[in-house]
Structures are given as structure tokens and as C-alpha cells.
């Protein structure tokens, strides 16, 4: 990191959490079933998030109930090639969502446990699917899912384009906070 970049961040943005038992975020798995309701700005913020994760050494996976033939071109058009490491579609599983098989398969192919990953979902059913797989989950709501209670979510956002957009750094912080809160509840 160069001097200019380092001077624009604070030590707590670079520091590891004080809780030694909090797992490190290694992967983020996105639900790609709900199209980005989107303004071009939301799509741009989503791409920025994906690249922030990729450049921040956080692996990226995608799950989608649709067929691979339908999802791959959408991912390629929106994100590009070589960034998404794992893509699990309806073609790859026997039991689609709401069964957590997609997430279990994505975790297996990424080589990480649920404690080291986070999901980004867009619906109540998707949120419960990710949670049943043991994942800390960020919900970016769609218009139809805004008045739903997402108890236990790491964060709930109404758009990707917001005052505090998601980035690799913010995902790491939300992941840590979620695990710290979870450990306090079980203590």
C-alpha cells in the first residue's frame, strides 16, 4: 500500500478484530436470482463491490436457481470474466433453494467453511436459505421485500447505491460484528 492510500485510512480499518475467535472473511457468495432492480448506478455499485472483494483477496461466488446457460452470460456482461470463482446454478443441484444445497456446494467448491463466508441475498426466502447454511448474511432488498423483518442479518440495505456502500472492507467489518454478536448471544 502506498503512502497516500495508507494516510487516507485509519488504523482500525486495517487492524484485525480484537476477538481472536472471530473467523476471517474469505469468501462472499451472491444470490443472482433477483435481477438488480436497477438503476445503472446500482449496477455500477454492484460491480465496484465485486471488484473490491476480488482486489481485497476475498473470493467471490454466485448462486442462481436459473440454468447455467442463462446465468453465465448475465454474469459475464455485468462483472466480466475471471472474477467469480464459483458459480452454482439450478443445473448443479438436486434440491434448489430454499434448500441450502446451493450454498453447501458453493462453500465446498470455494474450500471454505460457513464461518469464513458471507452471503448477499435479496429476499426473505433467500435470507433464510443462507442462514440455514450457517452464513452471515447481508440483505439488499428488492422493492417487494422492503417491509420484511430480517432478524439476524449482518446488515439490511435497500440498494447497492447508498450512503455507506458495500466494499471488501465493510463486508469484513460486518462479518466480524455479526460473529461477535453471535458469540455474545451464545455466552
C-alpha atoms as a PDB file:
ATOM      1  CA  UNK A   1       0.000   0.000   0.000  1.00  0.00           C
ATOM      2  CA  UNK A   2       1.481   3.339  -0.915  1.00  0.00           C
ATOM      3  CA  UNK A   3       1.854   6.260   1.498  1.00  0.00           C
ATOM      4  CA  UNK A   4      -1.049   8.235   0.042  1.00  0.00           C
ATOM      5  CA  UNK A   5      -3.512   5.328   0.377  1.00  0.00           C
ATOM      6  CA  UNK A   6      -2.301   4.495   3.869  1.00  0.00           C
ATOM      7  CA  UNK A   7      -2.721   8.094   5.034  1.00  0.00           C
ATOM      8  CA  UNK A   8      -6.372   8.094   3.921  1.00  0.00           C
ATOM      9  CA  UNK A   9      -7.337   5.137   6.087  1.00  0.00           C
ATOM     10  CA  UNK A  10      -7.433   4.694   9.827  1.00  0.00           C
ATOM     11  CA  UNK A  11      -5.644   2.030  11.842  1.00  0.00           C
ATOM     12  CA  UNK A  12      -8.945   0.346  12.766  1.00  0.00           C
ATOM     13  CA  UNK A  13      -9.699  -0.162   9.091  1.00  0.00           C
ATOM     14  CA  UNK A  14      -6.508  -2.204   8.753  1.00  0.00           C
ATOM     15  CA  UNK A  15      -6.444  -3.867  12.174  1.00  0.00           C
ATOM     16  CA  UNK A  16      -7.594  -7.407  12.803  1.00  0.00           C
ATOM     17  CA  UNK A  17     -10.502  -7.750  15.204  1.00  0.00           C
ATOM     18  CA  UNK A  18      -9.555  -7.889  18.894  1.00  0.00           C
ATOM     19  CA  UNK A  19     -11.611 -11.072  19.264  1.00  0.00           C
ATOM     20  CA  UNK A  20      -9.275 -13.936  18.366  1.00  0.00           C
ATOM     21  CA  UNK A  21     -12.150 -16.387  17.919  1.00  0.00           C
ATOM     22  CA  UNK A  22     -13.806 -14.385  15.129  1.00  0.00           C
ATOM     23  CA  UNK A  23     -13.285 -16.100  11.764  1.00  0.00           C
ATOM     24  CA  UNK A  24     -11.675 -14.203   8.910  1.00  0.00           C
ATOM     25  CA  UNK A  25     -13.876 -13.461   5.893  1.00  0.00           C
ATOM     26  CA  UNK A  26     -12.536 -15.434   2.947  1.00  0.00           C
ATOM     27  CA  UNK A  27     -15.489 -15.509   0.529  1.00  0.00           C
ATOM     28  CA  UNK A  28     -18.733 -13.727  -0.334  1.00  0.00           C
ATOM     29  CA  UNK A  29     -21.462 -15.632  -2.160  1.00  0.00           C
ATOM     30  CA  UNK A  30     -24.057 -13.607  -4.060  1.00  0.00           C
ATOM     31  CA  UNK A  31     -27.591 -14.599  -4.928  1.00  0.00           C
ATOM     32  CA  UNK A  32     -28.006 -13.918  -8.634  1.00  0.00           C
ATOM     33  CA  UNK A  33     -31.676 -14.896  -8.890  1.00  0.00           C
ATOM     34  CA  UNK A  34     -33.140 -11.451  -8.460  1.00  0.00           C
ATOM     35  CA  UNK A  35     -32.063  -9.079 -11.184  1.00  0.00           C
ATOM     36  CA  UNK A  36     -30.549  -5.858  -9.992  1.00  0.00           C
ATOM     37  CA  UNK A  37     -33.529  -3.562  -9.884  1.00  0.00           C
ATOM     38  CA  UNK A  38     -31.587  -1.262 -11.137  1.00  0.00           C
ATOM     39  CA  UNK A  39     -30.612   1.934 -11.989  1.00  0.00           C
ATOM     40  CA  UNK A  40     -27.328   1.959 -13.830  1.00  0.00           C
ATOM     41  CA  UNK A  41     -25.877   3.425 -10.615  1.00  0.00           C
ATOM     42  CA  UNK A  42     -26.889   0.303  -8.619  1.00  0.00           C
ATOM     43  CA  UNK A  43     -25.314  -1.941 -11.255  1.00  0.00           C
ATOM     44  CA  UNK A  44     -22.159   0.195 -11.116  1.00  0.00           C
ATOM     45  CA  UNK A  45     -22.033  -0.049  -7.295  1.00  0.00           C
ATOM     46  CA  UNK A  46     -22.527  -3.830  -7.517  1.00  0.00           C
ATOM     47  CA  UNK A  47     -19.603  -4.113  -9.964  1.00  0.00           C
ATOM     48  CA  UNK A  48     -17.485  -1.933  -7.663  1.00  0.00           C
ATOM     49  CA  UNK A  49     -18.293  -4.236  -4.753  1.00  0.00           C
ATOM     50  CA  UNK A  50     -17.340  -7.350  -6.718  1.00  0.00           C
ATOM     51  CA  UNK A  51     -14.029  -5.794  -7.796  1.00  0.00           C
ATOM     52  CA  UNK A  52     -13.343  -4.508  -4.284  1.00  0.00           C
ATOM     53  CA  UNK A  53     -13.751  -8.048  -2.965  1.00  0.00           C
ATOM     54  CA  UNK A  54     -11.639  -9.544  -5.741  1.00  0.00           C
ATOM     55  CA  UNK A  55      -8.837  -6.996  -5.242  1.00  0.00           C
ATOM     56  CA  UNK A  56      -9.121  -7.361  -1.448  1.00  0.00           C
ATOM     57  CA  UNK A  57      -8.417 -11.118  -1.642  1.00  0.00           C
ATOM     58  CA  UNK A  58     -11.988 -12.077  -0.774  1.00  0.00           C
ATOM     59  CA  UNK A  59     -13.172 -14.828  -3.081  1.00  0.00           C
ATOM     60  CA  UNK A  60     -16.446 -14.374  -4.985  1.00  0.00           C
ATOM     61  CA  UNK A  61     -19.118 -16.996  -5.624  1.00  0.00           C
ATOM     62  CA  UNK A  62     -22.571 -16.871  -7.174  1.00  0.00           C
ATOM     63  CA  UNK A  63     -25.682 -18.978  -6.704  1.00  0.00           C
ATOM     64  CA  UNK A  64     -28.694 -18.871  -9.004  1.00  0.00           C
ATOM     65  CA  UNK A  65     -31.745 -21.091  -9.423  1.00  0.00           C
ATOM     66  CA  UNK A  66     -31.741 -20.432 -13.177  1.00  0.00           C
ATOM     67  CA  UNK A  67     -29.839 -22.572 -15.673  1.00  0.00           C
ATOM     68  CA  UNK A  68     -26.138 -22.059 -16.288  1.00  0.00           C
ATOM     69  CA  UNK A  69     -26.860 -21.134 -19.925  1.00  0.00           C
ATOM     70  CA  UNK A  70     -28.977 -18.214 -18.713  1.00  0.00           C
ATOM     71  CA  UNK A  71     -26.784 -17.069 -15.796  1.00  0.00           C
ATOM     72  CA  UNK A  72     -23.275 -17.204 -17.305  1.00  0.00           C
ATOM     73  CA  UNK A  73     -23.904 -14.529 -19.970  1.00  0.00           C
ATOM     74  CA  UNK A  74     -25.530 -12.243 -17.385  1.00  0.00           C
ATOM     75  CA  UNK A  75     -22.572 -12.606 -15.044  1.00  0.00           C
ATOM     76  CA  UNK A  76     -20.107 -12.085 -17.901  1.00  0.00           C
ATOM     77  CA  UNK A  77     -21.950  -8.947 -19.090  1.00  0.00           C
ATOM     78  CA  UNK A  78     -22.244  -7.438 -15.625  1.00  0.00           C
ATOM     79  CA  UNK A  79     -18.966  -8.471 -13.994  1.00  0.00           C
ATOM     80  CA  UNK A  80     -16.630  -9.817 -16.653  1.00  0.00           C
ATOM     81  CA  UNK A  81     -14.525 -12.969 -16.752  1.00  0.00           C
ATOM     82  CA  UNK A  82     -12.126 -14.294 -14.141  1.00  0.00           C
ATOM     83  CA  UNK A  83     -13.561 -12.651 -11.021  1.00  0.00           C
ATOM     84  CA  UNK A  84     -16.274 -15.098  -9.983  1.00  0.00           C
ATOM     85  CA  UNK A  85     -14.519 -18.260  -8.826  1.00  0.00           C
ATOM     86  CA  UNK A  86     -17.566 -20.445  -8.252  1.00  0.00           C
ATOM     87  CA  UNK A  87     -20.983 -20.383  -9.901  1.00  0.00           C
ATOM     88  CA  UNK A  88     -23.629 -22.818  -8.697  1.00  0.00           C
ATOM     89  CA  UNK A  89     -26.834 -22.847 -10.734  1.00  0.00           C
ATOM     90  CA  UNK A  90     -30.024 -24.857 -10.711  1.00  0.00           C
ATOM     91  CA  UNK A  91     -28.296 -27.268 -13.115  1.00  0.00           C
ATOM     92  CA  UNK A  92     -25.752 -28.178 -10.425  1.00  0.00           C
ATOM     93  CA  UNK A  93     -28.025 -29.223  -7.561  1.00  0.00           C
ATOM     94  CA  UNK A  94     -30.753 -31.780  -6.939  1.00  0.00           C
ATOM     95  CA  UNK A  95     -32.598 -29.562  -4.449  1.00  0.00           C
ATOM     96  CA  UNK A  96     -32.944 -25.852  -5.354  1.00  0.00           C
ATOM     97  CA  UNK A  97     -33.469 -23.032  -2.894  1.00  0.00           C
ATOM     98  CA  UNK A  98     -34.927 -22.858  -0.281  1.00  0.00           C
ATOM     99  CA  UNK A  99     -32.833 -25.981   0.368  1.00  0.00           C
ATOM    100  CA  UNK A 100     -29.297 -24.847   1.360  1.00  0.00           C
ATOM    101  CA  UNK A 101     -27.639 -27.329  -1.041  1.00  0.00           C
ATOM    102  CA  UNK A 102     -26.517 -24.485  -3.357  1.00  0.00           C
ATOM    103  CA  UNK A 103     -24.681 -22.777  -0.527  1.00  0.00           C
ATOM    104  CA  UNK A 104     -23.161 -26.027   0.747  1.00  0.00           C
ATOM    105  CA  UNK A 105     -21.903 -26.765  -2.762  1.00  0.00           C
ATOM    106  CA  UNK A 106     -20.518 -23.234  -3.231  1.00  0.00           C
ATOM    107  CA  UNK A 107     -18.717 -23.421   0.122  1.00  0.00           C
ATOM    108  CA  UNK A 108     -17.280 -26.822  -0.791  1.00  0.00           C
ATOM    109  CA  UNK A 109     -16.032 -25.616  -4.183  1.00  0.00           C
ATOM    110  CA  UNK A 110     -14.564 -22.451  -2.635  1.00  0.00           C
ATOM    111  CA  UNK A 111     -12.876 -24.602   0.009  1.00  0.00           C
ATOM    112  CA  UNK A 112     -14.166 -22.554   2.953  1.00  0.00           C
ATOM    113  CA  UNK A 113     -16.475 -23.242   5.865  1.00  0.00           C
ATOM    114  CA  UNK A 114     -19.634 -21.236   6.532  1.00  0.00           C
ATOM    115  CA  UNK A 115     -17.885 -19.342   9.328  1.00  0.00           C
ATOM    116  CA  UNK A 116     -15.433 -17.860   6.800  1.00  0.00           C
ATOM    117  CA  UNK A 117     -18.020 -16.815   4.239  1.00  0.00           C
ATOM    118  CA  UNK A 118     -20.860 -14.341   3.904  1.00  0.00           C
ATOM    119  CA  UNK A 119     -23.945 -14.364   1.688  1.00  0.00           C
ATOM    120  CA  UNK A 120     -25.605 -11.435  -0.051  1.00  0.00           C
ATOM    121  CA  UNK A 121     -29.292 -12.191  -0.587  1.00  0.00           C
ATOM    122  CA  UNK A 122     -32.284 -10.249  -1.898  1.00  0.00           C
ATOM    123  CA  UNK A 123     -35.380 -11.919  -0.461  1.00  0.00           C
ATOM    124  CA  UNK A 124     -36.803 -13.369   2.732  1.00  0.00           C
ATOM    125  CA  UNK A 125     -36.606 -16.923   1.358  1.00  0.00           C
ATOM    126  CA  UNK A 126     -33.014 -16.388   0.196  1.00  0.00           C
ATOM    127  CA  UNK A 127     -32.077 -14.892   3.571  1.00  0.00           C
ATOM    128  CA  UNK A 128     -33.439 -17.963   5.384  1.00  0.00           C
ATOM    129  CA  UNK A 129     -31.692 -20.279   2.940  1.00  0.00           C
ATOM    130  CA  UNK A 130     -28.308 -18.615   3.537  1.00  0.00           C
ATOM    131  CA  UNK A 131     -28.861 -18.565   7.297  1.00  0.00           C
ATOM    132  CA  UNK A 132     -29.806 -22.268   7.299  1.00  0.00           C
ATOM    133  CA  UNK A 133     -26.421 -22.907   5.633  1.00  0.00           C
ATOM    134  CA  UNK A 134     -24.781 -21.119   8.591  1.00  0.00           C
ATOM    135  CA  UNK A 135     -23.752 -17.967   6.722  1.00  0.00           C
ATOM    136  CA  UNK A 136     -23.649 -14.421   7.997  1.00  0.00           C
ATOM    137  CA  UNK A 137     -25.956 -12.668   5.549  1.00  0.00           C
ATOM    138  CA  UNK A 138     -26.322  -9.175   4.141  1.00  0.00           C
ATOM    139  CA  UNK A 139     -29.724  -8.482   2.616  1.00  0.00           C
ATOM    140  CA  UNK A 140     -30.014  -5.998  -0.244  1.00  0.00           C
ATOM    141  CA  UNK A 141     -33.764  -5.784  -0.594  1.00  0.00           C
ATOM    142  CA  UNK A 142     -35.861  -5.584  -3.688  1.00  0.00           C
ATOM    143  CA  UNK A 143     -38.908  -3.355  -3.881  1.00  0.00           C
ATOM    144  CA  UNK A 144     -41.237  -6.198  -2.844  1.00  0.00           C
ATOM    145  CA  UNK A 145     -39.135  -7.240   0.145  1.00  0.00           C
ATOM    146  CA  UNK A 146     -38.548  -3.939   1.929  1.00  0.00           C
ATOM    147  CA  UNK A 147     -41.050  -4.282   4.759  1.00  0.00           C
ATOM    148  CA  UNK A 148     -39.810  -7.688   5.890  1.00  0.00           C
ATOM    149  CA  UNK A 149     -38.094  -8.256   9.222  1.00  0.00           C
ATOM    150  CA  UNK A 150     -34.625  -9.757   8.693  1.00  0.00           C
ATOM    151  CA  UNK A 151     -33.785 -10.602  12.301  1.00  0.00           C
ATOM    152  CA  UNK A 152     -30.257 -11.971  12.478  1.00  0.00           C
ATOM    153  CA  UNK A 153     -28.965 -10.344   9.297  1.00  0.00           C
ATOM    154  CA  UNK A 154     -25.468  -8.878   9.337  1.00  0.00           C
ATOM    155  CA  UNK A 155     -26.959  -5.825   7.563  1.00  0.00           C
ATOM    156  CA  UNK A 156     -30.035  -4.819   5.602  1.00  0.00           C
ATOM    157  CA  UNK A 157     -29.690  -2.346   2.757  1.00  0.00           C
ATOM    158  CA  UNK A 158     -32.300  -1.108   0.341  1.00  0.00           C
ATOM    159  CA  UNK A 159     -29.911  -0.605  -2.581  1.00  0.00           C
ATOM    160  CA  UNK A 160     -26.303  -1.101  -3.526  1.00  0.00           C
ATOM    161  CA  UNK A 161     -26.159   2.631  -4.196  1.00  0.00           C
ATOM    162  CA  UNK A 162     -26.408   4.047  -0.684  1.00  0.00           C
ATOM    163  CA  UNK A 163     -24.629   6.356   1.760  1.00  0.00           C
ATOM    164  CA  UNK A 164     -22.364   3.559   3.028  1.00  0.00           C
ATOM    165  CA  UNK A 165     -21.904   1.231   0.040  1.00  0.00           C
ATOM    166  CA  UNK A 166     -20.571  -2.261   0.495  1.00  0.00           C
ATOM    167  CA  UNK A 167     -16.873  -2.831  -0.093  1.00  0.00           C
ATOM    168  CA  UNK A 168     -14.438  -5.573   0.876  1.00  0.00           C
ATOM    169  CA  UNK A 169     -13.555  -3.608   3.995  1.00  0.00           C
ATOM    170  CA  UNK A 170     -17.180  -3.065   5.027  1.00  0.00           C
ATOM    171  CA  UNK A 171     -18.031  -6.726   4.367  1.00  0.00           C
ATOM    172  CA  UNK A 172     -15.144  -7.777   6.623  1.00  0.00           C
ATOM    173  CA  UNK A 173     -16.342  -5.420   9.349  1.00  0.00           C
ATOM    174  CA  UNK A 174     -19.978  -6.604   9.081  1.00  0.00           C
ATOM    175  CA  UNK A 175     -18.811 -10.225   9.150  1.00  0.00           C
ATOM    176  CA  UNK A 176     -16.756  -9.597  12.304  1.00  0.00           C
ATOM    177  CA  UNK A 177     -19.571  -7.710  14.005  1.00  0.00           C
ATOM    178  CA  UNK A 178     -22.050 -10.473  13.158  1.00  0.00           C
ATOM    179  CA  UNK A 179     -19.786 -13.156  14.648  1.00  0.00           C
ATOM    180  CA  UNK A 180     -19.043 -11.061  17.754  1.00  0.00           C
ATOM    181  CA  UNK A 181     -22.792 -10.513  18.282  1.00  0.00           C
ATOM    182  CA  UNK A 182     -23.453 -14.202  17.770  1.00  0.00           C
ATOM    183  CA  UNK A 183     -20.791 -15.212  20.296  1.00  0.00           C
ATOM    184  CA  UNK A 184     -22.221 -12.780  22.864  1.00  0.00           C
ATOM    185  CA  UNK A 185     -25.692 -14.266  22.430  1.00  0.00           C
ATOM    186  CA  UNK A 186     -24.412 -17.797  22.974  1.00  0.00           C
ATOM    187  CA  UNK A 187     -22.289 -16.829  26.001  1.00  0.00           C
END
